[in-house]
C-alpha atoms as a PDB file:
ATOM      1  CA  MET A   1      -0.132  -0.135  -0.022  1.00  0.00           C
ATOM      2  CA  LYS A   2       1.464   3.545  -1.257  1.00  0.00           C
ATOM      3  CA  GLU A   3       0.349   4.748   2.109  1.00  0.00           C
ATOM      4  CA  LEU A   4       2.604   2.844   4.250  1.00  0.00           C
ATOM      5  CA  GLN A   5       5.434   3.897   1.988  1.00  0.00           C
ATOM      6  CA  ASP A   6       4.543   7.402   2.476  1.00  0.00           C
ATOM      7  CA  ILE A   7       4.526   7.240   6.076  1.00  0.00           C
ATOM      8  CA  ALA A   8       7.995   5.616   6.348  1.00  0.00           C
ATOM      9  CA  ARG A   9       9.306   8.427   4.398  1.00  0.00           C
ATOM     10  CA  LEU A  10       7.950  11.427   6.642  1.00  0.00           C
ATOM     11  CA  SER A  11      10.870  13.339   8.144  1.00  0.00           C
ATOM     12  CA  ASP A  12       9.230  14.889  11.347  1.00  0.00           C
ATOM     13  CA  ARG A  13       8.094  11.671  12.910  1.00  0.00           C
ATOM     14  CA  PHE A  14       4.472  12.978  13.453  1.00  0.00           C
ATOM     15  CA  ILE A  15       3.187   9.282  13.311  1.00  0.00           C
ATOM     16  CA  SER A  16       4.637   5.959  13.300  1.00  0.00           C
ATOM     17  CA  VAL A  17       2.815   2.647  11.975  1.00  0.00           C
ATOM     18  CA  GLU A  18       2.848  -1.105  12.502  1.00  0.00           C
ATOM     19  CA  LEU A  19       0.797  -3.606  10.711  1.00  0.00           C
ATOM     20  CA  VAL A  20      -1.711  -5.867  12.878  1.00  0.00           C
ATOM     21  CA  ASP A  21      -1.023  -9.450  12.223  1.00  0.00           C
ATOM     22  CA  GLU A  22       1.048  -8.592   8.687  1.00  0.00           C
ATOM     23  CA  SER A  23      -2.151  -7.369   7.548  1.00  0.00           C
ATOM     24  CA  LEU A  24      -2.198  -4.278   5.120  1.00  0.00           C
ATOM     25  CA  PHE A  25      -5.741  -3.356   6.332  1.00  0.00           C
ATOM     26  CA  ASP A  26      -5.377  -3.121   9.925  1.00  0.00           C
ATOM     27  CA  TRP A  27      -2.744  -0.895  11.261  1.00  0.00           C
ATOM     28  CA  ASN A  28      -1.858   0.509  14.828  1.00  0.00           C
ATOM     29  CA  VAL A  29      -0.562   4.142  14.409  1.00  0.00           C
ATOM     30  CA  LYS A  30       1.412   6.000  16.841  1.00  0.00           C
ATOM     31  CA  LEU A  31       0.551   9.587  16.869  1.00  0.00           C
ATOM     32  CA  HIS A  32       3.753  10.973  18.730  1.00  0.00           C
ATOM     33  CA  GLN A  33       2.976  14.845  18.247  1.00  0.00           C
ATOM     34  CA  VAL A  34       0.410  16.688  20.240  1.00  0.00           C
ATOM     35  CA  ASP A  35      -0.016  20.703  20.350  1.00  0.00           C
ATOM     36  CA  LYS A  36       2.124  21.638  23.294  1.00  0.00           C
ATOM     37  CA  ASP A  37      -0.784  24.501  24.219  1.00  0.00           C
ATOM     38  CA  SER A  38      -3.409  21.693  24.885  1.00  0.00           C
ATOM     39  CA  VAL A  39      -4.519  20.465  28.124  1.00  0.00           C
ATOM     40  CA  LEU A  40      -4.049  17.160  26.990  1.00  0.00           C
ATOM     41  CA  TRP A  41      -0.408  18.115  25.798  1.00  0.00           C
ATOM     42  CA  GLN A  42      -0.193  18.838  29.681  1.00  0.00           C
ATOM     43  CA  ASP A  43      -1.916  15.626  31.016  1.00  0.00           C
ATOM     44  CA  MET A  44       0.361  13.547  29.040  1.00  0.00           C
ATOM     45  CA  LYS A  45       3.274  15.090  30.429  1.00  0.00           C
ATOM     46  CA  GLU A  46       2.267  14.993  33.819  1.00  0.00           C
ATOM     47  CA  THR A  47       1.813  10.956  33.424  1.00  0.00           C
ATOM     48  CA  ASN A  48       4.738  10.353  30.914  1.00  0.00           C
ATOM     49  CA  THR A  49       2.632   9.532  28.054  1.00  0.00           C
ATOM     50  CA  GLU A  50       4.696   9.326  24.916  1.00  0.00           C
ATOM     51  CA  PHE A  51       1.855   8.987  22.498  1.00  0.00           C
ATOM     52  CA  ILE A  52      -1.499   8.036  21.472  1.00  0.00           C
ATOM     53  CA  LEU A  53      -1.868   4.649  20.070  1.00  0.00           C
ATOM     54  CA  LEU A  54      -4.557   4.246  17.594  1.00  0.00           C
ATOM     55  CA  ASN A  55      -5.895   1.772  15.422  1.00  0.00           C
ATOM     56  CA  LEU A  56      -7.423   2.011  12.000  1.00  0.00           C
ATOM     57  CA  THR A  57      -9.006  -0.644  10.010  1.00  0.00           C
ATOM     58  CA  PHE A  58      -9.243  -0.443   6.486  1.00  0.00           C
ATOM     59  CA  PRO A  59     -12.178  -1.432   4.307  1.00  0.00           C
ATOM     60  CA  ASP A  60     -11.446  -3.480   1.287  1.00  0.00           C
ATOM     61  CA  ASN A  61     -12.509  -0.603  -0.967  1.00  0.00           C
ATOM     62  CA  PHE A  62     -10.082   1.899   0.770  1.00  0.00           C
ATOM     63  CA  PRO A  63      -9.331   4.546  -0.610  1.00  0.00           C
ATOM     64  CA  PHE A  64     -12.907   4.917  -1.818  1.00  0.00           C
ATOM     65  CA  SER A  65     -14.245   4.571   1.708  1.00  0.00           C
ATOM     66  CA  PRO A  66     -12.668   5.659   4.988  1.00  0.00           C
ATOM     67  CA  PRO A  67     -11.051   3.747   7.480  1.00  0.00           C
ATOM     68  CA  PHE A  68     -12.643   3.000  11.041  1.00  0.00           C
ATOM     69  CA  MET A  69     -10.185   4.790  13.435  1.00  0.00           C
ATOM     70  CA  ARG A  70     -10.411   4.513  17.512  1.00  0.00           C
ATOM     71  CA  VAL A  71      -8.259   5.354  20.281  1.00  0.00           C
ATOM     72  CA  LEU A  72      -6.408   2.276  22.039  1.00  0.00           C
ATOM     73  CA  SER A  73      -4.369   3.952  24.515  1.00  0.00           C
ATOM     74  CA  PRO A  74      -4.364   6.007  26.493  1.00  0.00           C
ATOM     75  CA  ARG A  75      -7.808   6.658  27.227  1.00  0.00           C
ATOM     76  CA  LEU A  76      -9.392   9.729  25.844  1.00  0.00           C
ATOM     77  CA  GLU A  77     -12.450  11.703  26.787  1.00  0.00           C
ATOM     78  CA  ASN A  78     -14.309  14.782  25.216  1.00  0.00           C
ATOM     79  CA  GLY A  79     -14.192  16.167  21.979  1.00  0.00           C
ATOM     80  CA  TYR A  80     -14.389  13.649  19.137  1.00  0.00           C
ATOM     81  CA  VAL A  81     -13.115  10.427  21.125  1.00  0.00           C
ATOM     82  CA  LEU A  82     -16.390   8.195  21.943  1.00  0.00           C
ATOM     83  CA  ASP A  83     -16.378   6.033  25.174  1.00  0.00           C
ATOM     84  CA  GLY A  84     -15.115   2.928  23.100  1.00  0.00           C
ATOM     85  CA  GLY A  85     -12.412   5.089  22.058  1.00  0.00           C
ATOM     86  CA  ALA A  86     -13.997   5.033  18.416  1.00  0.00           C
ATOM     87  CA  ILE A  87     -13.596   8.420  16.719  1.00  0.00           C
ATOM     88  CA  CYS A  88     -16.451  10.547  15.539  1.00  0.00           C
ATOM     89  CA  MET A  89     -15.470  12.885  12.866  1.00  0.00           C
ATOM     90  CA  GLU A  90     -17.169  13.867   9.571  1.00  0.00           C
ATOM     91  CA  LEU A  91     -14.380  13.233   7.345  1.00  0.00           C
ATOM     92  CA  LEU A  92     -14.256   9.750   8.734  1.00  0.00           C
ATOM     93  CA  THR A  93     -17.871   9.074   7.392  1.00  0.00           C
ATOM     94  CA  PRO A  94     -19.063   8.086   3.882  1.00  0.00           C
ATOM     95  CA  ARG A  95     -20.358  11.605   3.239  1.00  0.00           C
ATOM     96  CA  GLY A  96     -17.459  13.371   4.626  1.00  0.00           C
ATOM     97  CA  TRP A  97     -14.488  11.112   3.102  1.00  0.00           C
ATOM     98  CA  SER A  98     -12.744  11.920  -0.311  1.00  0.00           C
ATOM     99  CA  SER A  99     -10.559   9.373  -1.664  1.00  0.00           C
ATOM    100  CA  ALA A 100      -7.855  12.273  -1.945  1.00  0.00           C
ATOM    101  CA  TYR A 101      -7.215  11.749   1.477  1.00  0.00           C
ATOM    102  CA  THR A 102      -4.197  10.518   2.720  1.00  0.00           C
ATOM    103  CA  VAL A 103      -3.476   8.568   6.070  1.00  0.00           C
ATOM    104  CA  GLU A 104      -1.117  11.480   7.186  1.00  0.00           C
ATOM    105  CA  ALA A 105      -3.495  14.257   6.520  1.00  0.00           C
ATOM    106  CA  VAL A 106      -6.341  12.386   8.273  1.00  0.00           C
ATOM    107  CA  MET A 107      -3.864  11.763  11.152  1.00  0.00           C
ATOM    108  CA  ARG A 108      -2.980  15.987  11.158  1.00  0.00           C
ATOM    109  CA  GLN A 109      -6.856  16.566  11.016  1.00  0.00           C
ATOM    110  CA  PHE A 110      -7.413  14.279  14.175  1.00  0.00           C
ATOM    111  CA  ALA A 111      -4.312  15.865  15.968  1.00  0.00           C
ATOM    112  CA  ALA A 112      -6.077  19.566  15.441  1.00  0.00           C
ATOM    113  CA  SER A 113      -9.494  17.941  16.509  1.00  0.00           C
ATOM    114  CA  LEU A 114      -7.764  16.833  19.963  1.00  0.00           C
ATOM    115  CA  VAL A 115      -7.288  20.920  20.968  1.00  0.00           C
ATOM    116  CA  LYS A 116     -10.730  22.081  19.344  1.00  0.00           C
ATOM    117  CA  GLY A 117     -12.440  19.322  21.012  1.00  0.00           C
ATOM    118  CA  GLN A 118     -10.766  19.980  24.246  1.00  0.00           C
ATOM    119  CA  VAL A 119      -9.651  16.147  24.421  1.00  0.00           C
ATOM    120  CA  ARG A 120      -8.472  15.388  27.798  1.00  0.00           C
ATOM    121  CA  ARG A 121      -6.585  12.140  29.104  1.00  0.00           C
ATOM    122  CA  ALA A 122      -9.130  10.074  31.132  1.00  0.00           C
ATOM    123  CA  GLY A 123      -8.248   8.698  34.658  1.00  0.00           C
ATOM    124  CA  PRO A 124      -6.903  10.455  37.996  1.00  0.00           C
ATOM    125  CA  ARG A 125      -5.289  13.188  35.915  1.00  0.00           C
ATOM    126  CA  GLY A 126      -7.433  14.758  33.368  1.00  0.00           C
ATOM    127  CA  GLY A 127     -10.852  13.983  33.698  1.00  0.00           C
ATOM    128  CA  ARG A 128     -13.486  11.580  35.525  1.00  0.00           C
ATOM    129  CA  GLY A 129     -12.433   8.351  33.681  1.00  0.00           C
ATOM    130  CA  ARG A 130     -14.247   5.874  31.678  1.00  0.00           C
ATOM    131  CA  GLU A 131     -15.501   3.862  34.369  1.00  0.00           C
ATOM    132  CA  ASN A 132     -16.937   6.847  36.377  1.00  0.00           C
ATOM    133  CA  CYS A 133     -18.787   8.224  33.032  1.00  0.00           C
ATOM    134  CA  ALA A 134     -20.089   4.707  32.283  1.00  0.00           C
ATOM    135  CA  LEU A 135     -21.289   4.378  36.090  1.00  0.00           C
ATOM    136  CA  GLU A 136     -22.969   7.484  36.109  1.00  0.00           C
ATOM    137  CA  LYS A 137     -24.931   6.795  32.542  1.00  0.00           C
ATOM    138  CA  PHE A 138     -26.092   3.280  34.227  1.00  0.00           C
ATOM    139  CA  HIS A 139     -27.229   5.030  37.305  1.00  0.00           C
ATOM    140  CA  TRP A 140     -29.411   7.642  35.474  1.00  0.00           C
ATOM    141  CA  ARG A 141     -30.520   5.014  33.019  1.00  0.00           C
ATOM    142  CA  SER A 142     -31.719   2.999  35.561  1.00  0.00           C
ATOM    143  CA  ARG A 143     -34.066   5.429  36.834  1.00  0.00           C
ATOM    144  CA  GLY A 144     -35.142   6.474  33.656  1.00  0.00           C
ATOM    145  CA  VAL A 145     -33.590   9.934  33.276  1.00  0.00           C
ATOM    146  CA  VAL A 146     -31.778   9.280  30.281  1.00  0.00           C
END
């Protein structure tokens, strides 16, 4: 896949890629650079988190359909990151996708969305944590509020 070769040539080491089970359709991507003015960068610095690990799964008809992208670690909250780590961005929907997009461009857009969405590292530093959030949702749903 040409995308993989292009990423290997990046000089700024913005991202790095490892294939999952040697599959060209399943990548683990390390996002090494987060905006240093963001609260997420501060959270990551305080917890010695060096990168954000994402998983990209490509459909058979890529680049004509978008990949599915989710955060594996650390756990993030707010912004465009859903409870299970899935990324909710129009760019990753069939309607918002363009076959001209590259993985590098998608990752740069995602990195920008981390700042715009005020994403935080979940857990004891930087947010309530997903466990607490899930418990709150269960509590309110069990009472018919949500």
